[in-house]
Amino acid sequence: MRVSWLALLVLVLFQTVALAAAGSNLPSDHPPLNVTPSITLTSPIGGESWERGSNHSIKWTYKGNIGTSVTLTLLKSMTPVATLVTSLPSGSNGVGSFSWTIDKNTAAWPDYRIQIQSDGGTVKTVGNTFAIVVGANELPTIQLTSPNGGEVWDKGLTYKITWKYTGTPGLPIKIMLVPQGDLASAVMIADNAPVGSGGYGSYSWKIPYSISRGADYTIWIGNGAVNKQFIDISEKPFTITELVK
């Protein structure tokens, strides 16, 4: 049986009206129909420096149906290091947020990001880089213990540069040999030495024969990126000489 063009037109009009009525009856917080789901992180937006132990709001906006809940993950240099929350309500009216207190044991680092993912796994976004820094009330300190003045070290032999520290610096340290107190003429011994563990650290240094003999050397140690107080230098000069065979 053939269907007339008029009947087809009536059917199409009926379906159009029905769909429009269904859309108008959606709850006010229901995502619009036929919108590709997406999430946009709005805080941290990138470039912030947040102190350990401080509280901040992680915020986002979303479009479409991203599901009822999300998971927030902390990334360090794009590697997941901590799950901040799971099964968190995704928000309402296109906006969501989470109040985050940064753990005081989190390593200070300049390249953190927040990842937000729908618990169904279908929608995910990663925010821009922000820094986590040492809190103002927990500044770590470092103190050089050797050489700290009066030692005589021979070129060609290996000695331990030692120190102790407080707090949780998070970053590696630099060690420099300073001649005659002239920091501009310092020789880099180690540019990326581990700070140590349990409040103590050391670095084994074989003194190159290229180092000039002298009785006016000091050691500079620390990392100004941690804080301005995380630096120390030998209290008095020590001597570098040449082993007599």
Protein backbone atom coordinates (compact mmCIF):
# COMPACT_ATOMS: atom_id res chain seq x y z
CA MET A 1 0.00 0.00 0.00
CA ARG A 2 1.36 3.38 -0.95
CA VAL A 3 1.59 6.09 1.68
CA SER A 4 0.65 9.53 0.49
CA TRP A 5 3.05 12.47 0.72
CA LEU A 6 0.56 14.20 2.96
CA ALA A 7 0.65 11.33 5.45
CA LEU A 8 4.47 11.39 5.51
CA LEU A 9 4.47 15.14 6.10
CA VAL A 10 2.05 14.76 9.01
CA LEU A 11 4.26 12.03 10.54
CA VAL A 12 7.43 14.17 10.33
CA LEU A 13 5.67 17.14 11.88
CA PHE A 14 4.37 14.97 14.71
CA GLN A 15 7.86 13.63 15.52
CA THR A 16 9.36 17.14 15.48
CA VAL A 17 6.74 18.45 17.91
CA ALA A 18 7.24 15.41 20.18
CA LEU A 19 11.01 15.93 20.36
CA ALA A 20 10.62 19.61 21.11
CA ALA A 21 8.18 18.83 23.89
CA ALA A 22 10.57 16.26 25.37
CA GLY A 23 13.43 18.77 25.37
CA SER A 24 11.31 21.42 27.07
CA ASN A 25 10.36 19.01 29.83
CA LEU A 26 14.01 18.24 30.79
CA PRO A 27 15.12 19.32 34.30
CA SER A 28 16.92 22.67 34.40
CA ASP A 29 20.24 21.00 35.32
CA HIS A 30 19.98 18.32 32.62
CA PRO A 31 22.67 18.63 29.93
CA PRO A 32 21.43 19.82 26.52
CA LEU A 33 20.66 17.15 23.96
CA ASN A 34 23.26 16.29 21.29
CA VAL A 35 26.15 18.13 23.03
CA THR A 36 29.57 16.44 23.03
CA PRO A 37 30.57 15.88 26.69
CA SER A 38 33.60 17.89 27.82
CA ILE A 39 35.27 19.17 31.00
CA THR A 40 37.34 22.36 31.36
CA LEU A 41 39.49 22.95 34.44
CA THR A 42 39.19 26.57 35.65
CA SER A 43 41.26 26.41 38.84
CA PRO A 44 44.18 25.95 39.02
CA ILE A 45 44.33 27.71 35.66
CA GLY A 46 48.14 27.43 35.42
CA GLY A 47 51.09 29.32 36.88
CA GLU A 48 49.94 29.26 40.52
CA SER A 49 52.24 28.47 43.45
CA TRP A 50 50.28 26.69 46.17
CA GLU A 51 51.86 26.01 49.54
CA ARG A 52 51.86 22.59 51.13
CA GLY A 53 49.27 22.44 53.91
CA SER A 54 47.12 25.17 52.33
CA ASN A 55 43.54 24.77 51.11
CA HIS A 56 42.36 25.54 47.58
CA SER A 57 39.28 24.99 45.43
CA ILE A 58 39.73 22.89 42.33
CA LYS A 59 37.05 24.11 39.91
CA TRP A 60 35.76 23.06 36.53
CA THR A 61 32.97 23.59 34.04
CA TYR A 62 31.40 20.93 31.88
CA LYS A 63 29.13 20.48 28.89
CA GLY A 64 26.94 17.58 27.89
CA ASN A 65 26.40 14.42 29.88
CA ILE A 66 29.69 13.65 31.69
CA GLY A 67 28.03 11.28 34.16
CA THR A 68 27.12 11.73 37.80
CA SER A 69 30.61 11.55 39.34
CA VAL A 70 34.29 12.26 38.65
CA THR A 71 37.75 11.30 39.91
CA LEU A 72 40.47 13.89 40.55
CA THR A 73 44.14 12.87 40.24
CA LEU A 74 47.34 14.80 40.98
CA LEU A 75 49.99 14.46 38.26
CA LYS A 76 53.68 15.21 38.77
CA SER A 77 55.40 15.83 35.42
CA MET A 78 52.40 14.06 33.82
CA THR A 79 52.81 10.97 36.04
CA PRO A 80 49.94 10.18 38.46
CA VAL A 81 51.17 10.44 42.05
CA ALA A 82 47.99 10.75 44.13
CA THR A 83 44.25 10.22 43.81
CA LEU A 84 42.64 13.25 45.43
CA VAL A 85 39.04 12.01 45.41
CA THR A 86 36.86 9.41 43.73
CA SER A 87 33.10 9.25 43.09
CA LEU A 88 32.82 13.01 43.60
CA PRO A 89 29.53 14.47 42.29
CA SER A 90 30.34 16.00 38.91
CA GLY A 91 28.49 19.21 39.75
CA SER A 92 25.28 20.95 38.71
CA ASN A 93 24.30 23.44 36.02
CA GLY A 94 27.63 22.90 34.27
CA VAL A 95 29.86 23.75 37.25
CA GLY A 96 31.76 21.59 39.75
CA SER A 97 34.33 22.06 42.51
CA PHE A 98 36.37 20.26 45.17
CA SER A 99 38.01 21.69 48.30
CA TRP A 100 41.57 20.35 48.48
CA THR A 101 43.99 20.64 51.40
CA ILE A 102 47.48 19.89 50.07
CA ASP A 103 49.25 17.21 52.11
CA LYS A 104 52.30 18.61 53.90
CA ASN A 105 54.32 15.58 52.75
CA THR A 106 53.79 16.42 49.08
CA ALA A 107 57.13 17.07 47.39
CA ALA A 108 57.77 20.67 46.39
CA TRP A 109 57.83 20.65 42.59
CA PRO A 110 57.20 23.15 39.76
CA ASP A 111 55.31 20.83 37.39
CA TYR A 112 52.06 19.55 38.87
CA ARG A 113 48.74 19.19 37.05
CA ILE A 114 45.18 18.18 37.96
CA GLN A 115 43.42 15.48 35.95
CA ILE A 116 39.63 15.21 36.04
CA GLN A 117 37.99 12.08 34.65
CA SER A 118 34.39 10.95 34.60
CA ASP A 119 33.95 7.75 36.59
CA GLY A 120 32.72 6.10 33.42
CA GLY A 121 36.10 6.93 31.90
CA THR A 122 34.63 8.49 28.77
CA VAL A 123 35.53 12.13 29.50
CA LYS A 124 38.95 13.30 30.77
CA THR A 125 40.90 16.55 30.89
CA VAL A 126 44.31 17.59 32.24
CA GLY A 127 44.93 21.13 33.44
CA ASN A 128 47.91 23.42 33.03
CA THR A 129 51.09 23.34 35.13
CA PHE A 130 51.14 24.80 38.63
CA ALA A 131 53.70 24.57 41.46
CA ILE A 132 53.49 23.17 44.96
CA VAL A 133 55.95 24.95 47.23
CA VAL A 134 57.13 24.67 50.81
CA GLY A 135 54.77 26.37 53.24
CA ALA A 136 55.88 29.57 54.93
CA ASN A 137 55.58 27.91 58.34
CA GLU A 138 57.67 24.87 57.46
CA LEU A 139 60.76 26.24 55.76
CA PRO A 140 63.50 23.57 55.72
CA THR A 141 67.09 24.35 56.68
CA ILE A 142 70.45 22.88 55.72
CA GLN A 143 73.79 22.94 57.56
CA LEU A 144 77.15 21.90 56.14
CA THR A 145 79.11 19.69 58.56
CA SER A 146 82.24 18.85 56.52
CA PRO A 147 84.41 20.48 55.36
CA ASN A 148 83.58 23.25 57.79
CA GLY A 149 87.00 24.80 58.26
CA GLY A 150 90.58 23.71 58.92
CA GLU A 151 90.57 20.44 56.95
CA VAL A 152 93.42 19.54 54.58
CA TRP A 153 92.29 17.57 51.53
CA ASP A 154 94.61 16.15 48.87
CA LYS A 155 93.96 16.32 45.15
CA GLY A 156 93.25 12.97 43.54
CA LEU A 157 91.67 11.52 46.70
CA THR A 158 87.96 11.10 47.50
CA TYR A 159 86.33 12.83 50.46
CA LYS A 160 82.79 13.03 51.77
CA ILE A 161 81.03 16.37 51.85
CA THR A 162 78.41 16.01 54.60
CA TRP A 163 75.45 18.01 55.85
CA LYS A 164 72.30 17.81 57.90
CA TYR A 165 68.90 19.30 57.19
CA THR A 166 65.45 19.84 58.65
CA GLY A 167 62.04 19.67 57.04
CA THR A 168 61.22 18.16 53.66
CA PRO A 169 63.07 20.11 50.96
CA GLY A 170 61.77 17.99 48.08
CA LEU A 171 64.30 19.30 45.55
CA PRO A 172 67.92 18.18 44.96
CA ILE A 173 70.83 20.39 45.99
CA LYS A 174 73.85 22.01 44.40
CA ILE A 175 77.38 21.77 45.81
CA MET A 176 80.07 24.25 44.76
CA LEU A 177 83.72 24.84 45.58
CA VAL A 178 84.29 28.55 46.31
CA PRO A 179 87.84 29.97 46.09
CA GLN A 180 88.72 32.96 48.26
CA GLY A 181 85.08 33.60 49.08
CA ASP A 182 84.39 34.56 45.45
CA LEU A 183 81.06 32.95 44.56
CA ALA A 184 81.33 34.21 40.98
CA SER A 185 84.41 31.98 40.53
CA ALA A 186 82.81 28.90 42.13
CA VAL A 187 83.40 25.47 40.60
CA MET A 188 80.35 23.19 40.36
CA ILE A 189 80.92 19.91 42.21
CA ALA A 190 77.36 18.55 41.91
CA ASP A 191 74.38 20.16 40.23
CA ASN A 192 71.71 17.64 41.15
CA ALA A 193 72.72 15.80 44.35
CA PRO A 194 70.05 14.03 46.43
CA VAL A 195 69.38 15.90 49.66
CA GLY A 196 69.63 12.68 51.70
CA SER A 197 67.30 10.96 54.12
CA GLY A 198 66.44 11.11 57.78
CA GLY A 199 67.88 14.60 58.10
CA TYR A 200 71.40 13.72 56.86
CA GLY A 201 73.11 13.73 53.49
CA SER A 202 76.54 13.27 51.93
CA TYR A 203 78.31 13.40 48.60
CA SER A 204 81.57 11.65 47.69
CA TRP A 205 83.89 14.01 45.83
CA LYS A 206 87.13 12.99 44.14
CA ILE A 207 89.17 16.18 43.95
CA PRO A 208 90.37 16.73 40.37
CA TYR A 209 94.04 17.44 39.78
CA SER A 210 92.93 20.49 37.81
CA ILE A 211 91.94 22.24 41.06
CA SER A 212 94.64 24.68 42.16
CA ARG A 213 96.26 24.23 45.54
CA GLY A 214 95.15 26.72 48.13
CA ALA A 215 94.27 27.34 51.77
CA ASP A 216 91.24 29.53 51.17
CA TYR A 217 88.51 27.22 49.88
CA THR A 218 84.95 26.89 51.19
CA ILE A 219 82.00 24.72 50.17
CA TRP A 220 78.63 26.20 49.19
CA ILE A 221 75.64 23.90 49.49
CA GLY A 222 71.88 24.20 49.09
CA ASN A 223 69.10 25.13 46.70
CA GLY A 224 67.69 28.65 46.62
CA ALA A 225 64.60 27.39 44.77
CA VAL A 226 63.47 25.67 47.99
CA ASN A 227 63.79 28.90 49.96
CA LYS A 228 66.40 31.58 50.57
CA GLN A 229 67.37 30.01 53.91
CA PHE A 230 68.13 26.60 52.37
CA ILE A 231 71.77 27.51 51.75
CA ASP A 232 74.94 27.10 53.83
CA ILE A 233 78.66 27.60 53.40
CA SER A 234 81.75 26.44 55.32
CA GLU A 235 82.23 28.48 58.48
CA LYS A 236 85.98 28.75 57.83
CA PRO A 237 88.26 27.95 54.86
CA PHE A 238 89.84 24.55 54.30
CA THR A 239 92.96 23.61 52.35
CA ILE A 240 93.39 21.68 49.12
CA THR A 241 96.91 20.44 48.55
CA GLU A 242 98.71 17.87 46.42
CA LEU A 243 99.52 14.43 47.76
CA VAL A 244 103.27 13.98 48.08
CA LYS A 245 104.28 10.57 46.80
